[in-house]
């Protein structure tokens, strides 16, 4: 069984609230050229929950963009997408974890569908209008 090649690098910062016993995280998703694709804000959840939250939009985009089934004849499963991601988990202070979940000033939000098709959000909206 061969492993899917890594296509995304996901940096996840964690903070554990010792007073109340709650874990929190924030994350950023990059492509292999370290271009920022998405930012996930500071939110409640442990390490496995963070992976599920970050992979979900990628999974949705794969099943939207690729209407045909994958090589096994099924739509992509979340675990298939997780195998295409390299997760880097780091425990941090609260202030660094919160800051990691904020979008940089230069960052322009782009949907995973638009990223996978290599177009802007505006061009993707025009494509969808033409299809209707």
C-alpha atoms as a PDB file:
ATOM      1  CA  UNK A   1       0.000   0.000   0.000  1.00  0.00           C
ATOM      2  CA  UNK A   2       1.562   3.276  -1.081  1.00  0.00           C
ATOM      3  CA  UNK A   3       1.211   6.489   0.825  1.00  0.00           C
ATOM      4  CA  UNK A   4      -0.170   9.627  -0.828  1.00  0.00           C
ATOM      5  CA  UNK A   5       2.569  12.225  -1.429  1.00  0.00           C
ATOM      6  CA  UNK A   6       2.512  15.146   1.004  1.00  0.00           C
ATOM      7  CA  UNK A   7       0.770  18.162  -0.541  1.00  0.00           C
ATOM      8  CA  UNK A   8       0.071  20.366   2.488  1.00  0.00           C
ATOM      9  CA  UNK A   9       2.066  21.448   5.516  1.00  0.00           C
ATOM     10  CA  UNK A  10      -0.086  22.205   8.539  1.00  0.00           C
ATOM     11  CA  UNK A  11       1.397  24.102  11.481  1.00  0.00           C
ATOM     12  CA  UNK A  12      -0.721  23.708  14.611  1.00  0.00           C
ATOM     13  CA  UNK A  13      -0.015  25.634  17.827  1.00  0.00           C
ATOM     14  CA  UNK A  14      -1.508  24.319  21.071  1.00  0.00           C
ATOM     15  CA  UNK A  15      -2.084  25.896  24.464  1.00  0.00           C
ATOM     16  CA  UNK A  16      -3.345  24.063  27.535  1.00  0.00           C
ATOM     17  CA  UNK A  17      -5.319  26.095  30.087  1.00  0.00           C
ATOM     18  CA  UNK A  18      -4.005  24.654  33.365  1.00  0.00           C
ATOM     19  CA  UNK A  19      -6.579  26.498  35.474  1.00  0.00           C
ATOM     20  CA  UNK A  20      -9.662  25.000  33.835  1.00  0.00           C
ATOM     21  CA  UNK A  21      -8.029  22.035  32.107  1.00  0.00           C
ATOM     22  CA  UNK A  22      -9.058  22.997  28.563  1.00  0.00           C
ATOM     23  CA  UNK A  23      -6.943  22.588  25.401  1.00  0.00           C
ATOM     24  CA  UNK A  24      -6.958  25.214  22.620  1.00  0.00           C
ATOM     25  CA  UNK A  25      -5.324  25.462  19.215  1.00  0.00           C
ATOM     26  CA  UNK A  26      -4.846  27.607  16.129  1.00  0.00           C
ATOM     27  CA  UNK A  27      -3.472  26.492  12.766  1.00  0.00           C
ATOM     28  CA  UNK A  28      -2.174  27.560   9.384  1.00  0.00           C
ATOM     29  CA  UNK A  29      -2.186  25.519   6.178  1.00  0.00           C
ATOM     30  CA  UNK A  30       0.611  25.918   3.601  1.00  0.00           C
ATOM     31  CA  UNK A  31       1.315  24.311   0.257  1.00  0.00           C
ATOM     32  CA  UNK A  32       4.728  22.742  -0.401  1.00  0.00           C
ATOM     33  CA  UNK A  33       6.144  26.120  -1.461  1.00  0.00           C
ATOM     34  CA  UNK A  34       5.120  27.579   1.930  1.00  0.00           C
ATOM     35  CA  UNK A  35       2.380  29.756   0.410  1.00  0.00           C
ATOM     36  CA  UNK A  36      -0.267  30.382   3.062  1.00  0.00           C
ATOM     37  CA  UNK A  37      -3.576  28.812   2.047  1.00  0.00           C
ATOM     38  CA  UNK A  38      -5.733  29.184   5.150  1.00  0.00           C
ATOM     39  CA  UNK A  39      -5.689  30.340   8.760  1.00  0.00           C
ATOM     40  CA  UNK A  40      -7.748  28.678  11.488  1.00  0.00           C
ATOM     41  CA  UNK A  41      -8.380  30.969  14.474  1.00  0.00           C
ATOM     42  CA  UNK A  42      -7.761  30.244  18.155  1.00  0.00           C
ATOM     43  CA  UNK A  43     -10.408  27.733  19.253  1.00  0.00           C
ATOM     44  CA  UNK A  44     -11.170  24.950  21.689  1.00  0.00           C
ATOM     45  CA  UNK A  45      -9.904  21.451  20.899  1.00  0.00           C
ATOM     46  CA  UNK A  46      -7.188  18.884  21.444  1.00  0.00           C
ATOM     47  CA  UNK A  47      -4.600  17.625  18.930  1.00  0.00           C
ATOM     48  CA  UNK A  48      -6.778  15.127  17.074  1.00  0.00           C
ATOM     49  CA  UNK A  49      -9.681  17.595  16.949  1.00  0.00           C
ATOM     50  CA  UNK A  50      -7.335  20.216  15.493  1.00  0.00           C
ATOM     51  CA  UNK A  51      -6.370  17.833  12.693  1.00  0.00           C
ATOM     52  CA  UNK A  52     -10.035  17.099  11.922  1.00  0.00           C
ATOM     53  CA  UNK A  53     -10.974  20.805  11.866  1.00  0.00           C
ATOM     54  CA  UNK A  54      -8.070  21.732   9.591  1.00  0.00           C
ATOM     55  CA  UNK A  55      -8.585  18.828   7.164  1.00  0.00           C
ATOM     56  CA  UNK A  56     -12.357  19.343   6.783  1.00  0.00           C
ATOM     57  CA  UNK A  57     -12.227  22.308   4.313  1.00  0.00           C
ATOM     58  CA  UNK A  58      -9.575  20.522   2.217  1.00  0.00           C
ATOM     59  CA  UNK A  59     -11.735  17.389   2.161  1.00  0.00           C
ATOM     60  CA  UNK A  60     -14.818  19.398   1.093  1.00  0.00           C
ATOM     61  CA  UNK A  61     -12.834  21.040  -1.711  1.00  0.00           C
ATOM     62  CA  UNK A  62     -11.509  17.724  -3.018  1.00  0.00           C
ATOM     63  CA  UNK A  63     -15.004  16.257  -3.168  1.00  0.00           C
ATOM     64  CA  UNK A  64     -16.335  19.427  -4.874  1.00  0.00           C
ATOM     65  CA  UNK A  65     -13.567  19.950  -7.428  1.00  0.00           C
ATOM     66  CA  UNK A  66     -13.122  16.290  -8.331  1.00  0.00           C
ATOM     67  CA  UNK A  67     -16.598  15.140  -9.292  1.00  0.00           C
ATOM     68  CA  UNK A  68     -15.209  11.820 -10.471  1.00  0.00           C
ATOM     69  CA  UNK A  69     -14.300   9.310  -7.755  1.00  0.00           C
ATOM     70  CA  UNK A  70     -10.686   8.747  -6.736  1.00  0.00           C
ATOM     71  CA  UNK A  71      -8.666   5.667  -7.723  1.00  0.00           C
ATOM     72  CA  UNK A  72     -10.626   3.355  -5.413  1.00  0.00           C
ATOM     73  CA  UNK A  73     -13.927   4.364  -7.023  1.00  0.00           C
ATOM     74  CA  UNK A  74     -15.130   6.390  -4.037  1.00  0.00           C
ATOM     75  CA  UNK A  75     -15.119  10.026  -3.100  1.00  0.00           C
ATOM     76  CA  UNK A  76     -12.199  11.162  -0.992  1.00  0.00           C
ATOM     77  CA  UNK A  77     -12.401  10.227   2.670  1.00  0.00           C
ATOM     78  CA  UNK A  78     -11.016  12.550   5.334  1.00  0.00           C
ATOM     79  CA  UNK A  79      -8.329  10.022   6.226  1.00  0.00           C
ATOM     80  CA  UNK A  80      -7.119  10.075   2.611  1.00  0.00           C
ATOM     81  CA  UNK A  81      -6.705  13.835   2.845  1.00  0.00           C
ATOM     82  CA  UNK A  82      -4.980  13.544   6.248  1.00  0.00           C
ATOM     83  CA  UNK A  83      -2.373  11.296   4.652  1.00  0.00           C
ATOM     84  CA  UNK A  84      -1.582  14.086   2.168  1.00  0.00           C
ATOM     85  CA  UNK A  85      -0.815  16.472   5.056  1.00  0.00           C
ATOM     86  CA  UNK A  86       2.256  16.886   7.201  1.00  0.00           C
ATOM     87  CA  UNK A  87       1.183  18.001  10.692  1.00  0.00           C
ATOM     88  CA  UNK A  88       3.603  19.956  12.856  1.00  0.00           C
ATOM     89  CA  UNK A  89       2.185  20.239  16.396  1.00  0.00           C
ATOM     90  CA  UNK A  90       3.816  22.680  18.820  1.00  0.00           C
ATOM     91  CA  UNK A  91       2.895  23.574  22.391  1.00  0.00           C
ATOM     92  CA  UNK A  92       3.030  27.341  22.877  1.00  0.00           C
ATOM     93  CA  UNK A  93       2.127  30.134  25.260  1.00  0.00           C
ATOM     94  CA  UNK A  94      -1.395  31.502  24.964  1.00  0.00           C
ATOM     95  CA  UNK A  95      -0.329  34.775  23.336  1.00  0.00           C
ATOM     96  CA  UNK A  96       1.622  32.970  20.591  1.00  0.00           C
ATOM     97  CA  UNK A  97      -1.185  30.522  20.001  1.00  0.00           C
ATOM     98  CA  UNK A  98      -3.745  33.347  19.641  1.00  0.00           C
ATOM     99  CA  UNK A  99      -1.419  35.326  17.380  1.00  0.00           C
ATOM    100  CA  UNK A 100      -0.885  32.293  15.122  1.00  0.00           C
ATOM    101  CA  UNK A 101      -4.639  32.167  14.488  1.00  0.00           C
ATOM    102  CA  UNK A 102      -4.787  35.770  13.260  1.00  0.00           C
ATOM    103  CA  UNK A 103      -4.507  36.471   9.540  1.00  0.00           C
ATOM    104  CA  UNK A 104      -1.381  38.396   8.486  1.00  0.00           C
ATOM    105  CA  UNK A 105      -2.022  41.829   6.954  1.00  0.00           C
ATOM    106  CA  UNK A 106      -0.800  40.693   3.516  1.00  0.00           C
ATOM    107  CA  UNK A 107      -2.967  37.548   3.471  1.00  0.00           C
ATOM    108  CA  UNK A 108      -5.837  37.346   0.986  1.00  0.00           C
ATOM    109  CA  UNK A 109      -8.373  34.638   1.838  1.00  0.00           C
ATOM    110  CA  UNK A 110      -8.756  32.068  -0.939  1.00  0.00           C
ATOM    111  CA  UNK A 111     -11.007  29.026  -0.927  1.00  0.00           C
ATOM    112  CA  UNK A 112      -9.464  25.578  -1.297  1.00  0.00           C
ATOM    113  CA  UNK A 113     -11.532  25.038  -4.458  1.00  0.00           C
ATOM    114  CA  UNK A 114     -10.020  28.148  -6.049  1.00  0.00           C
ATOM    115  CA  UNK A 115      -6.531  27.160  -4.877  1.00  0.00           C
ATOM    116  CA  UNK A 116      -6.829  23.669  -6.355  1.00  0.00           C
ATOM    117  CA  UNK A 117      -8.048  25.046  -9.669  1.00  0.00           C
ATOM    118  CA  UNK A 118      -5.315  27.708  -9.669  1.00  0.00           C
ATOM    119  CA  UNK A 119      -7.719  30.658  -9.917  1.00  0.00           C
ATOM    120  CA  UNK A 120      -8.837  33.531  -7.704  1.00  0.00           C
ATOM    121  CA  UNK A 121     -12.084  33.526  -5.738  1.00  0.00           C
ATOM    122  CA  UNK A 122     -13.509  36.021  -8.259  1.00  0.00           C
ATOM    123  CA  UNK A 123     -12.652  33.781 -11.215  1.00  0.00           C
ATOM    124  CA  UNK A 124     -14.147  30.767  -9.420  1.00  0.00           C
ATOM    125  CA  UNK A 125     -17.408  32.687  -8.857  1.00  0.00           C
ATOM    126  CA  UNK A 126     -17.489  33.568 -12.593  1.00  0.00           C
ATOM    127  CA  UNK A 127     -16.873  29.908 -13.485  1.00  0.00           C
ATOM    128  CA  UNK A 128     -19.791  28.832 -11.317  1.00  0.00           C
ATOM    129  CA  UNK A 129     -22.023  31.490 -12.922  1.00  0.00           C
ATOM    130  CA  UNK A 130     -21.142  30.170 -16.384  1.00  0.00           C
ATOM    131  CA  UNK A 131     -22.012  26.611 -15.344  1.00  0.00           C
ATOM    132  CA  UNK A 132     -25.532  27.665 -14.276  1.00  0.00           C
END
